[in-house]
Amino acid sequence: MPLPSLPYSQRPWSIAVRTAYQKLYQIYHTGSSYVDSGSVEAHRLRQYGQAIINDAYPLLILLTDTAESESLPLEWIENVATEFTALLALLDDRWASAEEEYVESLMAGINLKLKDF
């Protein structure tokens, strides 16, 4: 699901809000596009998950703290946070699958080498 756009406002959004949204959009779009590509590597999935935790969530907290002064609806922030949480869960699920496949391929390789002895 795409990240919700900034809601309509009577006045233009501040540079801080626009910049935060652009960063959030970039993090979300990059992570979700990678998952949707179908060809994933565990280390990249981990990087995208870390970007959500280390970059997106702090921005969402900052937006929450300034929501009143920026006239930014809390409901919008909550919806964006929900989308990031869902993406993080999907990344985590795909990461676990990718790690399991990697371990299985390593074990298969070890078993083949042992048969050669």
PDB file of N, CA and C in Angstrom:
ATOM      1  N   MET A   1       0.846  -1.179   0.000  1.00  0.00           N
ATOM      2  CA  MET A   1       0.000   0.000   0.000  1.00  0.00           C
ATOM      3  C   MET A   1       0.890   1.240   0.000  1.00  0.00           C
ATOM      4  N   PRO A   2       0.531   2.241  -0.789  1.00  0.00           N
ATOM      5  CA  PRO A   2       1.361   3.450  -0.820  1.00  0.00           C
ATOM      6  C   PRO A   2       1.246   4.260   0.471  1.00  0.00           C
ATOM      7  N   LEU A   3       2.274   5.035   0.726  1.00  0.00           N
ATOM      8  CA  LEU A   3       2.282   5.905   1.896  1.00  0.00           C
ATOM      9  C   LEU A   3       1.292   7.042   1.667  1.00  0.00           C
ATOM     10  N   PRO A   4       0.446   7.355   2.664  1.00  0.00           N
ATOM     11  CA  PRO A   4      -0.514   8.448   2.479  1.00  0.00           C
ATOM     12  C   PRO A   4       0.199   9.775   2.203  1.00  0.00           C
ATOM     13  N   SER A   5      -0.317  10.529   1.243  1.00  0.00           N
ATOM     14  CA  SER A   5       0.221  11.852   0.941  1.00  0.00           C
ATOM     15  C   SER A   5      -0.058  12.803   2.093  1.00  0.00           C
ATOM     16  N   LEU A   6       0.688  13.902   2.113  1.00  0.00           N
ATOM     17  CA  LEU A   6       0.374  14.931   3.110  1.00  0.00           C
ATOM     18  C   LEU A   6      -1.059  15.378   2.899  1.00  0.00           C
ATOM     19  N   PRO A   7      -1.788  15.587   3.977  1.00  0.00           N
ATOM     20  CA  PRO A   7      -3.183  16.016   3.821  1.00  0.00           C
ATOM     21  C   PRO A   7      -3.263  17.445   3.279  1.00  0.00           C
ATOM     22  N   TYR A   8      -4.417  17.757   2.747  1.00  0.00           N
ATOM     23  CA  TYR A   8      -4.657  19.106   2.240  1.00  0.00           C
ATOM     24  C   TYR A   8      -4.558  20.100   3.394  1.00  0.00           C
ATOM     25  N   SER A   9      -3.996  21.257   3.085  1.00  0.00           N
ATOM     26  CA  SER A   9      -3.874  22.307   4.091  1.00  0.00           C
ATOM     27  C   SER A   9      -4.237  23.644   3.460  1.00  0.00           C
ATOM     28  N   GLN A  10      -4.867  24.516   4.254  1.00  0.00           N
ATOM     29  CA  GLN A  10      -5.231  25.854   3.781  1.00  0.00           C
ATOM     30  C   GLN A  10      -3.980  26.682   3.474  1.00  0.00           C
ATOM     31  N   ARG A  11      -2.938  26.434   4.238  1.00  0.00           N
ATOM     32  CA  ARG A  11      -1.679  27.156   4.013  1.00  0.00           C
ATOM     33  C   ARG A  11      -0.618  26.137   3.618  1.00  0.00           C
ATOM     34  N   PRO A  12       0.408  26.594   2.919  1.00  0.00           N
ATOM     35  CA  PRO A  12       1.465  25.645   2.522  1.00  0.00           C
ATOM     36  C   PRO A  12       2.132  25.031   3.755  1.00  0.00           C
ATOM     37  N   TRP A  13       2.534  23.769   3.620  1.00  0.00           N
ATOM     38  CA  TRP A  13       3.243  23.116   4.712  1.00  0.00           C
ATOM     39  C   TRP A  13       4.614  23.753   4.875  1.00  0.00           C
ATOM     40  N   SER A  14       5.099  23.765   6.096  1.00  0.00           N
ATOM     41  CA  SER A  14       6.425  24.321   6.359  1.00  0.00           C
ATOM     42  C   SER A  14       7.492  23.480   5.671  1.00  0.00           C
ATOM     43  N   ILE A  15       8.661  24.057   5.512  1.00  0.00           N
ATOM     44  CA  ILE A  15       9.779  23.324   4.920  1.00  0.00           C
ATOM     45  C   ILE A  15      10.099  22.093   5.757  1.00  0.00           C
ATOM     46  N   ALA A  16      10.005  22.222   7.073  1.00  0.00           N
ATOM     47  CA  ALA A  16      10.312  21.093   7.958  1.00  0.00           C
ATOM     48  C   ALA A  16       9.356  19.927   7.710  1.00  0.00           C
ATOM     49  N   VAL A  17       8.074  20.226   7.582  1.00  0.00           N
ATOM     50  CA  VAL A  17       7.086  19.161   7.338  1.00  0.00           C
ATOM     51  C   VAL A  17       7.304  18.550   5.957  1.00  0.00           C
ATOM     52  N   ARG A  18       7.522  19.369   4.946  1.00  0.00           N
ATOM     53  CA  ARG A  18       7.740  18.847   3.591  1.00  0.00           C
ATOM     54  C   ARG A  18       9.001  17.988   3.526  1.00  0.00           C
ATOM     55  N   THR A  19      10.059  18.446   4.176  1.00  0.00           N
ATOM     56  CA  THR A  19      11.313  17.694   4.182  1.00  0.00           C
ATOM     57  C   THR A  19      11.144  16.361   4.916  1.00  0.00           C
ATOM     58  N   ALA A  20      10.469  16.397   6.052  1.00  0.00           N
ATOM     59  CA  ALA A  20      10.219  15.155   6.803  1.00  0.00           C
ATOM     60  C   ALA A  20       9.396  14.190   5.960  1.00  0.00           C
ATOM     61  N   TYR A  21       8.363  14.703   5.291  1.00  0.00           N
ATOM     62  CA  TYR A  21       7.539  13.828   4.453  1.00  0.00           C
ATOM     63  C   TYR A  21       8.356  13.240   3.299  1.00  0.00           C
ATOM     64  N   GLN A  22       9.192  14.055   2.662  1.00  0.00           N
ATOM     65  CA  GLN A  22      10.006  13.549   1.557  1.00  0.00           C
ATOM     66  C   GLN A  22      10.929  12.426   2.030  1.00  0.00           C
ATOM     67  N   LYS A  23      11.511  12.588   3.203  1.00  0.00           N
ATOM     68  CA  LYS A  23      12.391  11.558   3.755  1.00  0.00           C
ATOM     69  C   LYS A  23      11.581  10.291   4.081  1.00  0.00           C
ATOM     70  N   LEU A  24      10.411  10.475   4.704  1.00  0.00           N
ATOM     71  CA  LEU A  24       9.551   9.332   5.009  1.00  0.00           C
ATOM     72  C   LEU A  24       9.144   8.608   3.726  1.00  0.00           C
ATOM     73  N   TYR A  25       8.769   9.374   2.717  1.00  0.00           N
ATOM     74  CA  TYR A  25       8.363   8.785   1.444  1.00  0.00           C
ATOM     75  C   TYR A  25       9.510   7.976   0.836  1.00  0.00           C
ATOM     76  N   GLN A  26      10.710   8.548   0.861  1.00  0.00           N
ATOM     77  CA  GLN A  26      11.877   7.863   0.299  1.00  0.00           C
ATOM     78  C   GLN A  26      12.135   6.546   1.026  1.00  0.00           C
ATOM     79  N   ILE A  27      12.120   6.562   2.343  1.00  0.00           N
ATOM     80  CA  ILE A  27      12.365   5.349   3.127  1.00  0.00           C
ATOM     81  C   ILE A  27      11.298   4.295   2.804  1.00  0.00           C
ATOM     82  N   TYR A  28      10.041   4.713   2.802  1.00  0.00           N
ATOM     83  CA  TYR A  28       8.942   3.774   2.575  1.00  0.00           C
ATOM     84  C   TYR A  28       8.986   3.219   1.148  1.00  0.00           C
ATOM     85  N   HIS A  29       9.121   4.100   0.178  1.00  0.00           N
ATOM     86  CA  HIS A  29       9.098   3.680  -1.221  1.00  0.00           C
ATOM     87  C   HIS A  29      10.262   2.739  -1.534  1.00  0.00           C
ATOM     88  N   THR A  30      11.445   3.065  -1.037  1.00  0.00           N
ATOM     89  CA  THR A  30      12.615   2.232  -1.294  1.00  0.00           C
ATOM     90  C   THR A  30      12.439   0.839  -0.684  1.00  0.00           C
ATOM     91  N   GLY A  31      12.010   0.794   0.574  1.00  0.00           N
ATOM     92  CA  GLY A  31      11.816  -0.498   1.244  1.00  0.00           C
ATOM     93  C   GLY A  31      10.721  -1.330   0.620  1.00  0.00           C
ATOM     94  N   SER A  32       9.589  -0.710   0.334  1.00  0.00           N
ATOM     95  CA  SER A  32       8.474  -1.480  -0.228  1.00  0.00           C
ATOM     96  C   SER A  32       8.765  -1.917  -1.660  1.00  0.00           C
ATOM     97  N   SER A  33       9.459  -1.081  -2.429  1.00  0.00           N
ATOM     98  CA  SER A  33       9.827  -1.474  -3.799  1.00  0.00           C
ATOM     99  C   SER A  33      10.775  -2.662  -3.789  1.00  0.00           C
ATOM    100  N   TYR A  34      11.700  -2.662  -2.836  1.00  0.00           N
ATOM    101  CA  TYR A  34      12.638  -3.776  -2.752  1.00  0.00           C
ATOM    102  C   TYR A  34      11.911  -5.074  -2.408  1.00  0.00           C
ATOM    103  N   VAL A  35      11.015  -5.019  -1.453  1.00  0.00           N
ATOM    104  CA  VAL A  35      10.249  -6.218  -1.080  1.00  0.00           C
ATOM    105  C   VAL A  35       9.405  -6.690  -2.267  1.00  0.00           C
ATOM    106  N   ASP A  36       8.793  -5.747  -2.978  1.00  0.00           N
ATOM    107  CA  ASP A  36       7.942  -6.098  -4.108  1.00  0.00           C
ATOM    108  C   ASP A  36       8.737  -6.660  -5.289  1.00  0.00           C
ATOM    109  N   SER A  37      10.048  -6.414  -5.322  1.00  0.00           N
ATOM    110  CA  SER A  37      10.860  -6.893  -6.443  1.00  0.00           C
ATOM    111  C   SER A  37      10.918  -8.418  -6.488  1.00  0.00           C
ATOM    112  N   GLY A  38      10.719  -9.051  -5.320  1.00  0.00           N
ATOM    113  CA  GLY A  38      10.720 -10.506  -5.270  1.00  0.00           C
ATOM    114  C   GLY A  38      12.082 -11.127  -5.081  1.00  0.00           C
ATOM    115  N   SER A  39      13.122 -10.458  -5.482  1.00  0.00           N
ATOM    116  CA  SER A  39      14.483 -10.974  -5.333  1.00  0.00           C
ATOM    117  C   SER A  39      15.151 -10.222  -4.190  1.00  0.00           C
ATOM    118  N   VAL A  40      15.170 -10.837  -3.010  1.00  0.00           N
ATOM    119  CA  VAL A  40      15.631 -10.128  -1.818  1.00  0.00           C
ATOM    120  C   VAL A  40      16.828 -10.831  -1.182  1.00  0.00           C
ATOM    121  N   GLU A  41      17.653 -10.024  -0.541  1.00  0.00           N
ATOM    122  CA  GLU A  41      18.799 -10.525   0.211  1.00  0.00           C
ATOM    123  C   GLU A  41      18.628 -10.093   1.662  1.00  0.00           C
ATOM    124  N   ALA A  42      18.989 -10.978   2.570  1.00  0.00           N
ATOM    125  CA  ALA A  42      18.755 -10.734   3.992  1.00  0.00           C
ATOM    126  C   ALA A  42      19.417  -9.448   4.479  1.00  0.00           C
ATOM    127  N   HIS A  43      20.648  -9.189   4.056  1.00  0.00           N
ATOM    128  CA  HIS A  43      21.334  -7.989   4.561  1.00  0.00           C
ATOM    129  C   HIS A  43      20.660  -6.701   4.095  1.00  0.00           C
ATOM    130  N   ARG A  44      20.104  -6.703   2.890  1.00  0.00           N
ATOM    131  CA  ARG A  44      19.390  -5.505   2.414  1.00  0.00           C
ATOM    132  C   ARG A  44      18.066  -5.330   3.161  1.00  0.00           C
ATOM    133  N   LEU A  45      17.380  -6.418   3.409  1.00  0.00           N
ATOM    134  CA  LEU A  45      16.137  -6.341   4.183  1.00  0.00           C
ATOM    135  C   LEU A  45      16.412  -5.755   5.563  1.00  0.00           C
ATOM    136  N   ARG A  46      17.513  -6.181   6.166  1.00  0.00           N
ATOM    137  CA  ARG A  46      17.888  -5.671   7.480  1.00  0.00           C
ATOM    138  C   ARG A  46      18.172  -4.167   7.402  1.00  0.00           C
ATOM    139  N   GLN A  47      18.833  -3.715   6.342  1.00  0.00           N
ATOM    140  CA  GLN A  47      19.124  -2.292   6.170  1.00  0.00           C
ATOM    141  C   GLN A  47      17.841  -1.474   6.061  1.00  0.00           C
ATOM    142  N   TYR A  48      16.891  -1.968   5.304  1.00  0.00           N
ATOM    143  CA  TYR A  48      15.624  -1.246   5.158  1.00  0.00           C
ATOM    144  C   TYR A  48      14.853  -1.211   6.474  1.00  0.00           C
ATOM    145  N   GLY A  49      14.892  -2.313   7.216  1.00  0.00           N
ATOM    146  CA  GLY A  49      14.251  -2.330   8.536  1.00  0.00           C
ATOM    147  C   GLY A  49      14.915  -1.356   9.493  1.00  0.00           C
ATOM    148  N   GLN A  50      16.234  -1.291   9.450  1.00  0.00           N
ATOM    149  CA  GLN A  50      16.954  -0.348  10.311  1.00  0.00           C
ATOM    150  C   GLN A  50      16.650   1.093   9.932  1.00  0.00           C
ATOM    151  N   ALA A  51      16.443   1.368   8.644  1.00  0.00           N
ATOM    152  CA  ALA A  51      16.085   2.723   8.216  1.00  0.00           C
ATOM    153  C   ALA A  51      14.737   3.140   8.801  1.00  0.00           C
ATOM    154  N   ILE A  52      13.812   2.195   8.884  1.00  0.00           N
ATOM    155  CA  ILE A  52      12.509   2.502   9.480  1.00  0.00           C
ATOM    156  C   ILE A  52      12.684   2.812  10.962  1.00  0.00           C
ATOM    157  N   ILE A  53      13.413   1.954  11.649  1.00  0.00           N
ATOM    158  CA  ILE A  53      13.581   2.126  13.101  1.00  0.00           C
ATOM    159  C   ILE A  53      14.412   3.368  13.433  1.00  0.00           C
ATOM    160  N   ASN A  54      15.522   3.563  12.724  1.00  0.00           N
ATOM    161  CA  ASN A  54      16.455   4.633  13.068  1.00  0.00           C
ATOM    162  C   ASN A  54      16.132   5.988  12.445  1.00  0.00           C
ATOM    163  N   ASP A  55      15.401   5.987  11.326  1.00  0.00           N
ATOM    164  CA  ASP A  55      15.133   7.244  10.622  1.00  0.00           C
ATOM    165  C   ASP A  55      13.647   7.607  10.584  1.00  0.00           C
ATOM    166  N   ALA A  56      12.810   6.661  10.154  1.00  0.00           N
ATOM    167  CA  ALA A  56      11.384   6.977   9.982  1.00  0.00           C
ATOM    168  C   ALA A  56      10.671   7.194  11.318  1.00  0.00           C
ATOM    169  N   TYR A  57      10.854   6.286  12.258  1.00  0.00           N
ATOM    170  CA  TYR A  57      10.153   6.431  13.536  1.00  0.00           C
ATOM    171  C   TYR A  57      10.528   7.719  14.276  1.00  0.00           C
ATOM    172  N   PRO A  58      11.819   8.102  14.321  1.00  0.00           N
ATOM    173  CA  PRO A  58      12.137   9.390  14.959  1.00  0.00           C
ATOM    174  C   PRO A  58      11.486  10.581  14.248  1.00  0.00           C
ATOM    175  N   LEU A  59      11.398  10.523  12.915  1.00  0.00           N
ATOM    176  CA  LEU A  59      10.711  11.599  12.194  1.00  0.00           C
ATOM    177  C   LEU A  59       9.230  11.642  12.554  1.00  0.00           C
ATOM    178  N   LEU A  60       8.624  10.479  12.679  1.00  0.00           N
ATOM    179  CA  LEU A  60       7.209  10.430  13.060  1.00  0.00           C
ATOM    180  C   LEU A  60       6.993  10.969  14.473  1.00  0.00           C
ATOM    181  N   ILE A  61       7.919  10.676  15.362  1.00  0.00           N
ATOM    182  CA  ILE A  61       7.828  11.226  16.724  1.00  0.00           C
ATOM    183  C   ILE A  61       7.962  12.740  16.680  1.00  0.00           C
ATOM    184  N   LEU A  62       8.900  13.232  15.894  1.00  0.00           N
ATOM    185  CA  LEU A  62       9.075  14.678  15.750  1.00  0.00           C
ATOM    186  C   LEU A  62       7.823  15.331  15.170  1.00  0.00           C
ATOM    187  N   LEU A  63       7.241  14.708  14.157  1.00  0.00           N
ATOM    188  CA  LEU A  63       6.000  15.244  13.587  1.00  0.00           C
ATOM    189  C   LEU A  63       4.872  15.238  14.614  1.00  0.00           C
ATOM    190  N   THR A  64       4.818  14.200  15.437  1.00  0.00           N
ATOM    191  CA  THR A  64       3.806  14.141  16.489  1.00  0.00           C
ATOM    192  C   THR A  64       4.012  15.275  17.491  1.00  0.00           C
ATOM    193  N   ASP A  65       5.265  15.514  17.862  1.00  0.00           N
ATOM    194  CA  ASP A  65       5.575  16.574  18.826  1.00  0.00           C
ATOM    195  C   ASP A  65       5.241  17.964  18.288  1.00  0.00           C
ATOM    196  N   THR A  66       5.306  18.143  16.979  1.00  0.00           N
ATOM    197  CA  THR A  66       5.047  19.462  16.384  1.00  0.00           C
ATOM    198  C   THR A  66       3.706  19.533  15.653  1.00  0.00           C
ATOM    199  N   ALA A  67       2.905  18.496  15.777  1.00  0.00           N
ATOM    200  CA  ALA A  67       1.638  18.431  15.034  1.00  0.00           C
ATOM    201  C   ALA A  67       0.749  19.636  15.294  1.00  0.00           C
ATOM    202  N   GLU A  68       0.623  20.026  16.539  1.00  0.00           N
ATOM    203  CA  GLU A  68      -0.267  21.145  16.868  1.00  0.00           C
ATOM    204  C   GLU A  68       0.230  22.444  16.247  1.00  0.00           C
ATOM    205  N   SER A  69       1.498  22.731  16.411  1.00  0.00           N
ATOM    206  CA  SER A  69       2.032  23.992  15.873  1.00  0.00           C
ATOM    207  C   SER A  69       2.069  23.996  14.345  1.00  0.00           C
ATOM    208  N   GLU A  70       2.153  22.833  13.740  1.00  0.00           N
ATOM    209  CA  GLU A  70       2.178  22.726  12.274  1.00  0.00           C
ATOM    210  C   GLU A  70       0.783  22.489  11.688  1.00  0.00           C
ATOM    211  N   SER A  71      -0.217  22.342  12.552  1.00  0.00           N
ATOM    212  CA  SER A  71      -1.589  22.020  12.119  1.00  0.00           C
ATOM    213  C   SER A  71      -1.633  20.724  11.310  1.00  0.00           C
ATOM    214  N   LEU A  72      -0.838  19.777  11.744  1.00  0.00           N
ATOM    215  CA  LEU A  72      -0.755  18.472  11.088  1.00  0.00           C
ATOM    216  C   LEU A  72      -1.663  17.503  11.829  1.00  0.00           C
ATOM    217  N   PRO A  73      -2.630  16.894  11.154  1.00  0.00           N
ATOM    218  CA  PRO A  73      -3.562  15.984  11.838  1.00  0.00           C
ATOM    219  C   PRO A  73      -2.851  14.751  12.424  1.00  0.00           C
ATOM    220  N   LEU A  74      -3.113  14.487  13.693  1.00  0.00           N
ATOM    221  CA  LEU A  74      -2.527  13.308  14.341  1.00  0.00           C
ATOM    222  C   LEU A  74      -2.983  12.022  13.662  1.00  0.00           C
ATOM    223  N   GLU A  75      -4.188  12.024  13.158  1.00  0.00           N
ATOM    224  CA  GLU A  75      -4.702  10.833  12.473  1.00  0.00           C
ATOM    225  C   GLU A  75      -3.828  10.485  11.265  1.00  0.00           C
ATOM    226  N   TRP A  76      -3.379  11.495  10.540  1.00  0.00           N
ATOM    227  CA  TRP A  76      -2.504  11.254   9.395  1.00  0.00           C
ATOM    228  C   TRP A  76      -1.183  10.642   9.863  1.00  0.00           C
ATOM    229  N   ILE A  77      -0.616  11.197  10.925  1.00  0.00           N
ATOM    230  CA  ILE A  77       0.649  10.672  11.461  1.00  0.00           C
ATOM    231  C   ILE A  77       0.464   9.219  11.893  1.00  0.00           C
ATOM    232  N   GLU A  78      -0.650   8.926  12.548  1.00  0.00           N
ATOM    233  CA  GLU A  78      -0.926   7.553  12.982  1.00  0.00           C
ATOM    234  C   GLU A  78      -1.050   6.609  11.789  1.00  0.00           C
ATOM    235  N   ASN A  79      -1.701   7.073  10.716  1.00  0.00           N
ATOM    236  CA  ASN A  79      -1.839   6.239   9.512  1.00  0.00           C
ATOM    237  C   ASN A  79      -0.477   5.953   8.875  1.00  0.00           C
ATOM    238  N   VAL A  80       0.369   6.973   8.824  1.00  0.00           N
ATOM    239  CA  VAL A  80       1.712   6.784   8.269  1.00  0.00           C
ATOM    240  C   VAL A  80       2.507   5.823   9.152  1.00  0.00           C
ATOM    241  N   ALA A  81       2.415   5.990  10.461  1.00  0.00           N
ATOM    242  CA  ALA A  81       3.118   5.092  11.391  1.00  0.00           C
ATOM    243  C   ALA A  81       2.628   3.656  11.221  1.00  0.00           C
ATOM    244  N   THR A  82       1.341   3.470  11.025  1.00  0.00           N
ATOM    245  CA  THR A  82       0.778   2.140  10.816  1.00  0.00           C
ATOM    246  C   THR A  82       1.340   1.512   9.541  1.00  0.00           C
ATOM    247  N   GLU A  83       1.457   2.300   8.480  1.00  0.00           N
ATOM    248  CA  GLU A  83       2.023   1.789   7.227  1.00  0.00           C
ATOM    249  C   GLU A  83       3.482   1.366   7.415  1.00  0.00           C
ATOM    250  N   PHE A  84       4.249   2.172   8.154  1.00  0.00           N
ATOM    251  CA  PHE A  84       5.641   1.805   8.410  1.00  0.00           C
ATOM    252  C   PHE A  84       5.737   0.544   9.269  1.00  0.00           C
ATOM    253  N   THR A  85       4.858   0.407  10.236  1.00  0.00           N
ATOM    254  CA  THR A  85       4.874  -0.785  11.083  1.00  0.00           C
ATOM    255  C   THR A  85       4.535  -2.027  10.264  1.00  0.00           C
ATOM    256  N   ALA A  86       3.579  -1.903   9.360  1.00  0.00           N
ATOM    257  CA  ALA A  86       3.229  -3.033   8.490  1.00  0.00           C
ATOM    258  C   ALA A  86       4.391  -3.387   7.570  1.00  0.00           C
ATOM    259  N   LEU A  87       5.064  -2.370   7.029  1.00  0.00           N
ATOM    260  CA  LEU A  87       6.220  -2.627   6.171  1.00  0.00           C
ATOM    261  C   LEU A  87       7.345  -3.275   6.964  1.00  0.00           C
ATOM    262  N   LEU A  88       7.575  -2.807   8.184  1.00  0.00           N
ATOM    263  CA  LEU A  88       8.616  -3.396   9.027  1.00  0.00           C
ATOM    264  C   LEU A  88       8.318  -4.865   9.313  1.00  0.00           C
ATOM    265  N   ALA A  89       7.059  -5.194   9.568  1.00  0.00           N
ATOM    266  CA  ALA A  89       6.675  -6.583   9.807  1.00  0.00           C
ATOM    267  C   ALA A  89       6.908  -7.430   8.555  1.00  0.00           C
ATOM    268  N   LEU A  90       6.594  -6.881   7.391  1.00  0.00           N
ATOM    269  CA  LEU A  90       6.813  -7.594   6.127  1.00  0.00           C
ATOM    270  C   LEU A  90       8.307  -7.795   5.877  1.00  0.00           C
ATOM    271  N   LEU A  91       9.103  -6.757   6.116  1.00  0.00           N
ATOM    272  CA  LEU A  91      10.557  -6.880   5.971  1.00  0.00           C
ATOM    273  C   LEU A  91      11.104  -7.950   6.907  1.00  0.00           C
ATOM    274  N   ASP A  92      10.628  -7.960   8.138  1.00  0.00           N
ATOM    275  CA  ASP A  92      11.084  -8.942   9.119  1.00  0.00           C
ATOM    276  C   ASP A  92      10.721 -10.357   8.683  1.00  0.00           C
ATOM    277  N   ASP A  93       9.516 -10.520   8.181  1.00  0.00           N
ATOM    278  CA  ASP A  93       9.068 -11.833   7.719  1.00  0.00           C
ATOM    279  C   ASP A  93       9.913 -12.311   6.539  1.00  0.00           C
ATOM    280  N   ARG A  94      10.142 -11.420   5.576  1.00  0.00           N
ATOM    281  CA  ARG A  94      10.957 -11.778   4.410  1.00  0.00           C
ATOM    282  C   ARG A  94      12.411 -12.027   4.815  1.00  0.00           C
ATOM    283  N   TRP A  95      12.903 -11.261   5.804  1.00  0.00           N
ATOM    284  CA  TRP A  95      14.265 -11.449   6.289  1.00  0.00           C
ATOM    285  C   TRP A  95      14.417 -12.855   6.884  1.00  0.00           C
ATOM    286  N   ALA A  96      13.444 -13.257   7.706  1.00  0.00           N
ATOM    287  CA  ALA A  96      13.509 -14.584   8.316  1.00  0.00           C
ATOM    288  C   ALA A  96      13.510 -15.667   7.238  1.00  0.00           C
ATOM    289  N   SER A  97      12.695 -15.508   6.220  1.00  0.00           N
ATOM    290  CA  SER A  97      12.652 -16.485   5.124  1.00  0.00           C
ATOM    291  C   SER A  97      13.969 -16.520   4.357  1.00  0.00           C
ATOM    292  N   ALA A  98      14.527 -15.342   4.086  1.00  0.00           N
ATOM    293  CA  ALA A  98      15.785 -15.270   3.347  1.00  0.00           C
ATOM    294  C   ALA A  98      16.924 -15.897   4.155  1.00  0.00           C
ATOM    295  N   GLU A  99      16.949 -15.643   5.449  1.00  0.00           N
ATOM    296  CA  GLU A  99      17.971 -16.235   6.312  1.00  0.00           C
ATOM    297  C   GLU A  99      17.835 -17.757   6.335  1.00  0.00           C
ATOM    298  N   GLU A 100      16.610 -18.246   6.408  1.00  0.00           N
ATOM    299  CA  GLU A 100      16.371 -19.692   6.432  1.00  0.00           C
ATOM    300  C   GLU A 100      16.832 -20.333   5.126  1.00  0.00           C
ATOM    301  N   GLU A 101      16.532 -19.694   4.006  1.00  0.00           N
ATOM    302  CA  GLU A 101      16.966 -20.219   2.712  1.00  0.00           C
ATOM    303  C   GLU A 101      18.485 -20.230   2.618  1.00  0.00           C
ATOM    304  N   TYR A 102      19.125 -19.207   3.130  1.00  0.00           N
ATOM    305  CA  TYR A 102      20.580 -19.124   3.100  1.00  0.00           C
ATOM    306  C   TYR A 102      21.206 -20.256   3.923  1.00  0.00           C
ATOM    307  N   VAL A 103      20.681 -20.478   5.117  1.00  0.00           N
ATOM    308  CA  VAL A 103      21.196 -21.548   5.976  1.00  0.00           C
ATOM    309  C   VAL A 103      20.983 -22.904   5.313  1.00  0.00           C
ATOM    310  N   GLU A 104      19.818 -23.115   4.710  1.00  0.00           N
ATOM    311  CA  GLU A 104      19.547 -24.382   4.033  1.00  0.00           C
ATOM    312  C   GLU A 104      20.513 -24.605   2.875  1.00  0.00           C
ATOM    313  N   SER A 105      20.827 -23.545   2.126  1.00  0.00           N
ATOM    314  CA  SER A 105      21.759 -23.704   1.002  1.00  0.00           C
ATOM    315  C   SER A 105      23.168 -23.995   1.509  1.00  0.00           C
ATOM    316  N   LEU A 106      23.556 -23.392   2.624  1.00  0.00           N
ATOM    317  CA  LEU A 106      24.861 -23.690   3.224  1.00  0.00           C
ATOM    318  C   LEU A 106      24.933 -25.144   3.672  1.00  0.00           C
ATOM    319  N   MET A 107      23.873 -25.591   4.319  1.00  0.00           N
ATOM    320  CA  MET A 107      23.850 -26.978   4.804  1.00  0.00           C
ATOM    321  C   MET A 107      23.888 -27.960   3.627  1.00  0.00           C
ATOM    322  N   ALA A 108      23.191 -27.655   2.563  1.00  0.00           N
ATOM    323  CA  ALA A 108      23.202 -28.531   1.391  1.00  0.00           C
ATOM    324  C   ALA A 108      24.607 -28.596   0.801  1.00  0.00           C
ATOM    325  N   GLY A 109      25.296 -27.456   0.769  1.00  0.00           N
ATOM    326  CA  GLY A 109      26.663 -27.431   0.265  1.00  0.00           C
ATOM    327  C   GLY A 109      27.608 -28.231   1.141  1.00  0.00           C
ATOM    328  N   ILE A 110      27.434 -28.132   2.437  1.00  0.00           N
ATOM    329  CA  ILE A 110      28.269 -28.907   3.370  1.00  0.00           C
ATOM    330  C   ILE A 110      28.007 -30.392   3.200  1.00  0.00           C
ATOM    331  N   ASN A 111      26.753 -30.766   3.056  1.00  0.00           N
ATOM    332  CA  ASN A 111      26.408 -32.180   2.867  1.00  0.00           C
ATOM    333  C   ASN A 111      27.004 -32.720   1.581  1.00  0.00           C
ATOM    334  N   LEU A 112      27.020 -31.922   0.521  1.00  0.00           N
ATOM    335  CA  LEU A 112      27.625 -32.382  -0.743  1.00  0.00           C
ATOM    336  C   LEU A 112      29.115 -32.586  -0.585  1.00  0.00           C
ATOM    337  N   LYS A 113      29.779 -31.691   0.137  1.00  0.00           N
ATOM    338  CA  LYS A 113      31.224 -31.810   0.333  1.00  0.00           C
ATOM    339  C   LYS A 113      31.534 -33.034   1.190  1.00  0.00           C
ATOM    340  N   LEU A 114      30.696 -33.331   2.182  1.00  0.00           N
ATOM    341  CA  LEU A 114      30.925 -34.481   3.046  1.00  0.00           C
ATOM    342  C   LEU A 114      30.772 -35.788   2.269  1.00  0.00           C
ATOM    343  N   LYS A 115      29.889 -35.811   1.292  1.00  0.00           N
ATOM    344  CA  LYS A 115      29.681 -37.014   0.487  1.00  0.00           C
ATOM    345  C   LYS A 115      30.892 -37.301  -0.398  1.00  0.00           C
ATOM    346  N   ASP A 116      31.647 -36.267  -0.735  1.00  0.00           N
ATOM    347  CA  ASP A 116      32.834 -36.438  -1.590  1.00  0.00           C
ATOM    348  C   ASP A 116      33.973 -37.107  -0.836  1.00  0.00           C
ATOM    349  N   PHE A 117      33.926 -37.108   0.472  1.00  0.00           N
ATOM    350  CA  PHE A 117      35.007 -37.728   1.257  1.00  0.00           C
ATOM    351  C   PHE A 117      34.847 -39.183   1.342  1.00  0.00           C
TER     352      PHE A 117
END
